[in-house]
Amino acid sequence: ACNNQAKDTVETADSVNAEMDTTTSAVEDGAAGVAEVDAKFAVDAANGGMAEVALSNLAFQNATNAQVKSFADMMIADHGKANEDLTHLAVAKQITLPAAPGEPEQKTAADLGQKTGADFDKTYVDIMVKDHDKTVALFEDASKNLVDAELKAFVNKTLPTLKAHQAHAHELQKKLK
């Protein structure tokens, strides 16, 4: 039941935003009125950001490698700040964000939590590489396709940090092989 609930928060956010997009007219009620592409990006970015923080909290507690622990600490701080910034924007734009990471992200965290020692460290870093490759692609796509100027500014401000994380994760992955 717990996992279905989490998945539902992502689906619910997408559904609410899609409904808002088709029923809200910015002219008629003065509301922000956000394009579906913008709302979808915000939901996906929030989901990914929350997952990064959750996984990194696990890594900060369980990692045995000092560099991995330091990387996790940086992820918690940077993604926590980005999540906060995105939440403020979403509230202003009346975009509904998920309340928790989706089901696949929660399963990844549960699987990671079963690992220990060097196996934990390597698995966490492998996840960070995959997730940052996916997130950088999401943000690069968003930088070209978003309609809302403030969301686009958030993307352009956040992208260099994500690329730095991506490079750092790839470096760590090479060291742990």
Protein backbone atom coordinates (compact mmCIF):
# COMPACT_ATOMS: atom_id res chain seq x y z
CA ALA A 1 0.00 0.00 0.00
CA CYS A 2 2.82 2.39 0.87
CA ASN A 3 4.47 2.06 -2.53
CA ASN A 4 1.24 2.60 -4.45
CA GLN A 5 0.60 5.75 -2.44
CA ALA A 6 3.99 7.18 -3.39
CA LYS A 7 3.50 6.41 -7.07
CA ASP A 8 0.09 8.01 -6.85
CA THR A 9 1.59 11.33 -5.68
CA VAL A 10 3.53 11.68 -8.94
CA GLU A 11 0.55 10.54 -11.04
CA THR A 12 -1.81 12.74 -9.03
CA ALA A 13 0.40 15.80 -9.50
CA ASP A 14 0.59 15.17 -13.26
CA SER A 15 -3.17 14.65 -13.42
CA VAL A 16 -4.04 17.77 -11.41
CA ASN A 17 -1.67 19.87 -13.51
CA ALA A 18 -3.07 18.52 -16.79
CA GLU A 19 -6.58 19.37 -15.60
CA MET A 20 -5.47 22.88 -14.58
CA ASP A 21 -3.90 23.38 -18.01
CA THR A 22 -7.15 22.63 -19.82
CA THR A 23 -9.53 24.40 -17.44
CA THR A 24 -7.62 27.49 -16.36
CA SER A 25 -7.60 30.60 -18.46
CA ALA A 26 -5.03 33.18 -17.41
CA VAL A 27 -7.11 35.94 -19.00
CA GLU A 28 -10.36 35.00 -17.31
CA ASP A 29 -9.18 34.69 -13.69
CA GLY A 30 -5.73 36.25 -13.52
CA ALA A 31 -4.14 32.94 -12.44
CA ALA A 32 -0.66 32.00 -13.54
CA GLY A 33 -1.90 29.47 -16.10
CA VAL A 34 1.06 27.21 -16.80
CA ALA A 35 1.68 25.21 -19.96
CA GLU A 36 1.52 21.43 -19.60
CA VAL A 37 5.19 21.08 -20.64
CA ASP A 38 6.18 23.38 -17.75
CA ALA A 39 4.04 21.53 -15.19
CA LYS A 40 5.32 18.12 -16.37
CA PHE A 41 8.92 19.32 -16.08
CA ALA A 42 8.29 20.64 -12.55
CA VAL A 43 6.77 17.31 -11.45
CA ASP A 44 9.63 15.29 -12.98
CA ALA A 45 12.30 17.60 -11.55
CA ALA A 46 10.70 17.55 -8.09
CA ASN A 47 10.42 13.76 -8.16
CA GLY A 48 14.06 13.39 -9.19
CA GLY A 49 15.24 15.96 -6.67
CA MET A 50 13.41 14.31 -3.78
CA ALA A 51 14.81 10.92 -4.82
CA GLU A 52 18.39 12.33 -4.91
CA VAL A 53 18.00 13.69 -1.37
CA ALA A 54 16.48 10.44 -0.05
CA LEU A 55 19.21 8.28 -1.63
CA SER A 56 21.92 10.67 -0.48
CA ASN A 57 20.61 10.67 3.10
CA LEU A 58 20.95 6.87 3.01
CA ALA A 59 24.46 7.19 1.59
CA PHE A 60 25.50 9.80 4.14
CA GLN A 61 24.48 7.38 6.91
CA ASN A 62 25.76 4.13 5.35
CA ALA A 63 28.67 4.89 2.99
CA THR A 64 32.06 3.54 4.04
CA ASN A 65 34.12 5.55 1.53
CA ALA A 66 34.83 9.12 2.71
CA GLN A 67 34.56 10.52 -0.85
CA VAL A 68 31.17 8.87 -1.31
CA LYS A 69 29.98 10.27 2.03
CA SER A 70 31.22 13.74 1.05
CA PHE A 71 29.46 13.48 -2.34
CA ALA A 72 26.22 12.45 -0.57
CA ASP A 73 26.50 15.46 1.73
CA MET A 74 26.89 17.75 -1.30
CA MET A 75 23.85 16.10 -2.97
CA ILE A 76 21.71 16.68 0.15
CA ALA A 77 22.69 20.37 0.32
CA ASP A 78 22.50 21.18 -3.41
CA HIS A 79 19.39 19.16 -4.28
CA GLY A 80 17.70 20.29 -1.06
CA LYS A 81 18.21 23.92 -2.13
CA ALA A 82 17.06 23.25 -5.70
CA ASN A 83 13.97 21.42 -4.38
CA GLU A 84 13.18 24.41 -2.17
CA ASP A 85 13.58 26.85 -5.08
CA LEU A 86 11.39 24.68 -7.33
CA THR A 87 8.71 24.38 -4.62
CA HIS A 88 8.54 28.18 -4.25
CA LEU A 89 8.18 28.55 -8.03
CA ALA A 90 5.54 25.81 -8.18
CA VAL A 91 3.46 27.47 -5.46
CA ALA A 92 3.64 30.81 -7.28
CA LYS A 93 2.68 29.14 -10.58
CA GLN A 94 -0.03 26.95 -9.00
CA ILE A 95 1.75 23.76 -10.10
CA THR A 96 1.01 20.69 -7.98
CA LEU A 97 4.19 18.77 -7.10
CA PRO A 98 4.38 15.19 -5.81
CA ALA A 99 4.50 14.82 -2.02
CA ALA A 100 7.04 11.97 -2.14
CA PRO A 101 9.28 10.25 -4.68
CA GLY A 102 7.48 7.90 -7.07
CA GLU A 103 7.31 4.12 -6.74
CA PRO A 104 10.38 3.32 -8.91
CA GLU A 105 12.50 5.78 -6.91
CA GLN A 106 11.27 4.34 -3.61
CA LYS A 107 12.10 0.81 -4.79
CA THR A 108 15.61 1.97 -5.74
CA ALA A 109 16.06 3.43 -2.24
CA ALA A 110 14.76 0.24 -0.60
CA ASP A 111 17.12 -1.90 -2.71
CA LEU A 112 20.05 0.38 -1.89
CA GLY A 113 19.22 0.16 1.81
CA GLN A 114 19.79 -3.62 1.68
CA LYS A 115 23.43 -3.17 0.59
CA THR A 116 26.45 -2.71 2.86
CA GLY A 117 30.10 -1.71 2.69
CA ALA A 118 31.85 -1.26 -0.64
CA ASP A 119 28.85 -2.81 -2.43
CA PHE A 120 26.64 -0.04 -0.99
CA ASP A 121 29.11 2.67 -2.05
CA LYS A 122 29.44 1.36 -5.61
CA THR A 123 25.67 0.88 -6.03
CA TYR A 124 24.93 4.40 -4.73
CA VAL A 125 27.47 5.96 -7.09
CA ASP A 126 26.15 3.91 -10.04
CA ILE A 127 22.64 5.21 -9.25
CA MET A 128 23.95 8.79 -9.03
CA VAL A 129 25.64 8.45 -12.45
CA LYS A 130 22.45 7.11 -14.06
CA ASP A 131 20.21 9.64 -12.31
CA HIS A 132 22.41 12.63 -13.14
CA ASP A 133 22.72 11.56 -16.78
CA LYS A 134 18.90 11.45 -16.88
CA THR A 135 18.48 14.72 -14.94
CA VAL A 136 20.97 16.67 -17.06
CA ALA A 137 19.11 15.49 -20.19
CA LEU A 138 15.77 16.54 -18.62
CA PHE A 139 17.12 20.00 -17.77
CA GLU A 140 18.84 20.47 -21.16
CA ASP A 141 15.56 19.60 -22.88
CA ALA A 142 13.68 21.95 -20.53
CA SER A 143 16.09 24.81 -21.28
CA LYS A 144 14.94 24.62 -24.92
CA ASN A 145 11.26 23.73 -24.51
CA LEU A 146 9.85 25.39 -21.40
CA VAL A 147 7.40 28.24 -21.91
CA ASP A 148 7.54 29.94 -18.50
CA ALA A 149 10.44 32.42 -18.18
CA GLU A 150 10.91 31.91 -14.42
CA LEU A 151 11.01 28.11 -14.73
CA LYS A 152 13.47 28.49 -17.60
CA ALA A 153 15.64 30.76 -15.41
CA PHE A 154 15.55 28.10 -12.65
CA VAL A 155 16.68 25.49 -15.19
CA ASN A 156 19.52 27.65 -16.49
CA LYS A 157 20.65 28.47 -12.94
CA THR A 158 20.53 24.81 -11.82
CA LEU A 159 22.00 23.10 -14.91
CA PRO A 160 25.69 23.97 -14.27
CA THR A 161 25.46 22.46 -10.75
CA LEU A 162 23.82 19.32 -12.15
CA LYS A 163 26.57 18.99 -14.76
CA ALA A 164 29.20 19.34 -12.03
CA HIS A 165 27.45 16.59 -10.02
CA GLN A 166 27.30 14.44 -13.15
CA ALA A 167 31.05 14.82 -13.76
CA HIS A 168 31.84 14.18 -10.08
CA ALA A 169 29.65 11.05 -10.05
CA HIS A 170 31.40 9.71 -13.17
CA GLU A 171 34.82 10.33 -11.53
CA LEU A 172 33.76 8.53 -8.36
CA GLN A 173 32.41 5.63 -10.40
CA LYS A 174 35.82 5.18 -12.08
CA LYS A 175 37.58 5.21 -8.68
CA LEU A 176 35.26 2.58 -7.21
CA LYS A 177 35.57 0.01 -10.05
